[in-house]
C-alpha atoms as a PDB file:
ATOM      1  CA  UNK A   1      -0.857-191.466 133.321  1.00  0.00           C
ATOM      2  CA  UNK A   2      -0.097-188.540 131.073  1.00  0.00           C
ATOM      3  CA  UNK A   3      -1.537-188.285 127.568  1.00  0.00           C
ATOM      4  CA  UNK A   4       0.825-187.953 124.577  1.00  0.00           C
ATOM      5  CA  UNK A   5       0.390-184.397 124.351  1.00  0.00           C
ATOM      6  CA  UNK A   6       1.040-183.676 127.907  1.00  0.00           C
ATOM      7  CA  UNK A   7       4.181-185.677 127.661  1.00  0.00           C
ATOM      8  CA  UNK A   8       5.391-183.975 124.578  1.00  0.00           C
ATOM      9  CA  UNK A   9       4.956-180.605 126.461  1.00  0.00           C
ATOM     10  CA  UNK A  10       6.798-181.848 129.319  1.00  0.00           C
ATOM     11  CA  UNK A  11       9.629-182.843 127.378  1.00  0.00           C
ATOM     12  CA  UNK A  12       9.834-179.555 125.412  1.00  0.00           C
ATOM     13  CA  UNK A  13      10.326-178.100 128.644  1.00  0.00           C
ATOM     14  CA  UNK A  14      13.181-180.216 129.817  1.00  0.00           C
ATOM     15  CA  UNK A  15      14.842-180.279 126.465  1.00  0.00           C
ATOM     16  CA  UNK A  16      18.099-178.621 126.704  1.00  0.00           C
ATOM     17  CA  UNK A  17      18.100-178.183 130.226  1.00  0.00           C
ATOM     18  CA  UNK A  18      21.762-178.825 130.858  1.00  0.00           C
ATOM     19  CA  UNK A  19      21.436-180.657 134.270  1.00  0.00           C
ATOM     20  CA  UNK A  20      19.186-177.990 135.554  1.00  0.00           C
ATOM     21  CA  UNK A  21      16.370-179.277 137.673  1.00  0.00           C
ATOM     22  CA  UNK A  22      13.495-180.647 135.327  1.00  0.00           C
ATOM     23  CA  UNK A  23      10.726-183.094 135.839  1.00  0.00           C
ATOM     24  CA  UNK A  24      12.277-186.388 134.755  1.00  0.00           C
ATOM     25  CA  UNK A  25      15.459-186.442 136.529  1.00  0.00           C
ATOM     26  CA  UNK A  26      18.124-184.899 139.038  1.00  0.00           C
ATOM     27  CA  UNK A  27      21.738-185.426 139.286  1.00  0.00           C
ATOM     28  CA  UNK A  28      22.931-186.299 142.587  1.00  0.00           C
ATOM     29  CA  UNK A  29      26.276-185.417 143.676  1.00  0.00           C
ATOM     30  CA  UNK A  30      27.079-187.711 146.767  1.00  0.00           C
ATOM     31  CA  UNK A  31      28.730-185.770 149.838  1.00  0.00           C
ATOM     32  CA  UNK A  32      32.437-186.519 149.536  1.00  0.00           C
ATOM     33  CA  UNK A  33      33.825-187.734 152.701  1.00  0.00           C
ATOM     34  CA  UNK A  34      37.702-187.763 153.640  1.00  0.00           C
ATOM     35  CA  UNK A  35      39.339-190.920 152.038  1.00  0.00           C
ATOM     36  CA  UNK A  36      36.489-191.756 149.609  1.00  0.00           C
ATOM     37  CA  UNK A  37      35.654-191.590 146.179  1.00  0.00           C
ATOM     38  CA  UNK A  38      32.309-190.587 144.672  1.00  0.00           C
ATOM     39  CA  UNK A  39      30.623-190.388 141.541  1.00  0.00           C
ATOM     40  CA  UNK A  40      27.533-188.434 140.624  1.00  0.00           C
ATOM     41  CA  UNK A  41      24.443-190.331 139.291  1.00  0.00           C
ATOM     42  CA  UNK A  42      21.077-189.776 137.967  1.00  0.00           C
ATOM     43  CA  UNK A  43      17.924-190.224 139.783  1.00  0.00           C
ATOM     44  CA  UNK A  44      14.782-190.504 137.924  1.00  0.00           C
ATOM     45  CA  UNK A  45      11.153-189.373 138.981  1.00  0.00           C
ATOM     46  CA  UNK A  46       7.708-189.727 138.664  1.00  0.00           C
ATOM     47  CA  UNK A  47       7.356-188.339 134.944  1.00  0.00           C
ATOM     48  CA  UNK A  48       9.929-190.794 133.836  1.00  0.00           C
ATOM     49  CA  UNK A  49       7.657-193.691 134.921  1.00  0.00           C
ATOM     50  CA  UNK A  50       4.847-192.007 133.366  1.00  0.00           C
ATOM     51  CA  UNK A  51       7.109-191.841 130.018  1.00  0.00           C
ATOM     52  CA  UNK A  52       7.612-195.596 130.273  1.00  0.00           C
ATOM     53  CA  UNK A  53       4.093-196.124 130.726  1.00  0.00           C
ATOM     54  CA  UNK A  54       3.023-194.106 127.774  1.00  0.00           C
ATOM     55  CA  UNK A  55       5.520-196.161 125.774  1.00  0.00           C
ATOM     56  CA  UNK A  56       3.878-198.935 126.451  1.00  0.00           C
ATOM     57  CA  UNK A  57       0.539-197.640 125.798  1.00  0.00           C
ATOM     58  CA  UNK A  58       1.663-196.549 122.217  1.00  0.00           C
ATOM     59  CA  UNK A  59       3.511-199.543 121.570  1.00  0.00           C
ATOM     60  CA  UNK A  60       7.219-198.547 121.949  1.00  0.00           C
ATOM     61  CA  UNK A  61       8.001-199.649 125.327  1.00  0.00           C
ATOM     62  CA  UNK A  62      11.513-201.304 125.049  1.00  0.00           C
ATOM     63  CA  UNK A  63      10.527-204.796 126.671  1.00  0.00           C
ATOM     64  CA  UNK A  64       8.163-205.402 123.575  1.00  0.00           C
ATOM     65  CA  UNK A  65      10.773-205.755 121.228  1.00  0.00           C
ATOM     66  CA  UNK A  66      11.535-208.856 119.516  1.00  0.00           C
ATOM     67  CA  UNK A  67      15.035-209.289 120.944  1.00  0.00           C
ATOM     68  CA  UNK A  68      18.218-207.244 121.027  1.00  0.00           C
ATOM     69  CA  UNK A  69      19.450-208.785 117.436  1.00  0.00           C
ATOM     70  CA  UNK A  70      16.335-206.839 115.848  1.00  0.00           C
ATOM     71  CA  UNK A  71      17.353-203.460 117.087  1.00  0.00           C
ATOM     72  CA  UNK A  72      19.505-200.486 115.804  1.00  0.00           C
ATOM     73  CA  UNK A  73      21.627-198.176 118.128  1.00  0.00           C
ATOM     74  CA  UNK A  74      22.221-194.455 117.134  1.00  0.00           C
ATOM     75  CA  UNK A  75      25.488-195.534 115.599  1.00  0.00           C
ATOM     76  CA  UNK A  76      23.646-197.581 113.187  1.00  0.00           C
ATOM     77  CA  UNK A  77      21.097-195.074 111.944  1.00  0.00           C
ATOM     78  CA  UNK A  78      20.988-192.128 109.909  1.00  0.00           C
ATOM     79  CA  UNK A  79      20.871-188.588 111.400  1.00  0.00           C
ATOM     80  CA  UNK A  80      17.251-188.112 110.375  1.00  0.00           C
ATOM     81  CA  UNK A  81      16.160-191.439 111.166  1.00  0.00           C
ATOM     82  CA  UNK A  82      13.286-190.350 113.461  1.00  0.00           C
ATOM     83  CA  UNK A  83      11.289-188.517 110.675  1.00  0.00           C
ATOM     84  CA  UNK A  84      10.723-191.819 108.606  1.00  0.00           C
ATOM     85  CA  UNK A  85      10.693-194.424 111.702  1.00  0.00           C
ATOM     86  CA  UNK A  86       7.939-196.918 112.197  1.00  0.00           C
ATOM     87  CA  UNK A  87       7.028-198.317 115.516  1.00  0.00           C
ATOM     88  CA  UNK A  88       9.467-201.255 115.420  1.00  0.00           C
ATOM     89  CA  UNK A  89      12.566-199.264 114.685  1.00  0.00           C
ATOM     90  CA  UNK A  90      11.476-196.893 117.618  1.00  0.00           C
ATOM     91  CA  UNK A  91      10.942-199.735 119.903  1.00  0.00           C
ATOM     92  CA  UNK A  92      14.004-201.388 118.948  1.00  0.00           C
ATOM     93  CA  UNK A  93      15.825-198.142 119.578  1.00  0.00           C
ATOM     94  CA  UNK A  94      14.112-197.586 123.075  1.00  0.00           C
ATOM     95  CA  UNK A  95      15.529-201.035 123.830  1.00  0.00           C
ATOM     96  CA  UNK A  96      19.009-199.892 123.050  1.00  0.00           C
ATOM     97  CA  UNK A  97      18.628-196.870 125.052  1.00  0.00           C
ATOM     98  CA  UNK A  98      17.221-198.408 128.397  1.00  0.00           C
ATOM     99  CA  UNK A  99      20.198-201.085 128.098  1.00  0.00           C
ATOM    100  CA  UNK A 100      22.392-198.230 127.613  1.00  0.00           C
ATOM    101  CA  UNK A 101      21.230-196.935 131.105  1.00  0.00           C
ATOM    102  CA  UNK A 102      22.054-199.929 132.410  1.00  0.00           C
ATOM    103  CA  UNK A 103      25.824-199.718 131.750  1.00  0.00           C
ATOM    104  CA  UNK A 104      26.168-195.957 131.511  1.00  0.00           C
ATOM    105  CA  UNK A 105      24.354-193.504 133.978  1.00  0.00           C
ATOM    106  CA  UNK A 106      22.665-190.858 132.142  1.00  0.00           C
ATOM    107  CA  UNK A 107      21.865-192.157 129.051  1.00  0.00           C
ATOM    108  CA  UNK A 108      18.138-191.799 129.351  1.00  0.00           C
ATOM    109  CA  UNK A 109      18.848-188.331 130.818  1.00  0.00           C
ATOM    110  CA  UNK A 110      20.883-187.242 127.673  1.00  0.00           C
ATOM    111  CA  UNK A 111      17.920-188.367 125.543  1.00  0.00           C
ATOM    112  CA  UNK A 112      15.822-186.003 127.325  1.00  0.00           C
ATOM    113  CA  UNK A 113      18.306-183.240 127.293  1.00  0.00           C
ATOM    114  CA  UNK A 114      19.228-183.309 123.514  1.00  0.00           C
ATOM    115  CA  UNK A 115      15.520-183.753 122.434  1.00  0.00           C
ATOM    116  CA  UNK A 116      15.377-187.408 121.150  1.00  0.00           C
ATOM    117  CA  UNK A 117      12.658-188.616 123.184  1.00  0.00           C
ATOM    118  CA  UNK A 118      10.704-185.535 122.369  1.00  0.00           C
ATOM    119  CA  UNK A 119      11.519-186.166 118.582  1.00  0.00           C
ATOM    120  CA  UNK A 120      10.305-189.879 119.052  1.00  0.00           C
ATOM    121  CA  UNK A 121       7.067-189.026 120.787  1.00  0.00           C
ATOM    122  CA  UNK A 122       6.286-186.568 117.930  1.00  0.00           C
ATOM    123  CA  UNK A 123       6.983-189.009 115.453  1.00  0.00           C
ATOM    124  CA  UNK A 124       4.651-191.697 117.245  1.00  0.00           C
ATOM    125  CA  UNK A 125       1.825-188.743 117.284  1.00  0.00           C
ATOM    126  CA  UNK A 126       2.330-188.566 113.313  1.00  0.00           C
ATOM    127  CA  UNK A 127       1.969-192.387 113.140  1.00  0.00           C
ATOM    128  CA  UNK A 128      -1.182-192.512 115.441  1.00  0.00           C
ATOM    129  CA  UNK A 129      -2.794-189.588 112.927  1.00  0.00           C
ATOM    130  CA  UNK A 130      -2.143-192.281 109.881  1.00  0.00           C
END
């Protein structure tokens, strides 16, 4: 499993990739056949599994939350929420993100590309240092 520092480095490289190939996911464009309608979808790769394993190790895995009612989504948090977040808030946010992926393909990929997961892991590193 990747260490926190290694995962932060991988996320720094993936940030802002704008659907360019990266270690965490690939955007699949299915072959269009006559008379069919296809939609692109995301396939998450091995480093994404390592990311979730690391989340479990550092105490922010979404399945370790106390329940949906104790979580907050992006629309309920101030813009700089990560700077002051404790593990419980991060864990709840991760729950919302993983649940969002269930209903909308690419939610997790968006959090990789926009640097949100990177900021979260940097905050976790700060929390570990305290």
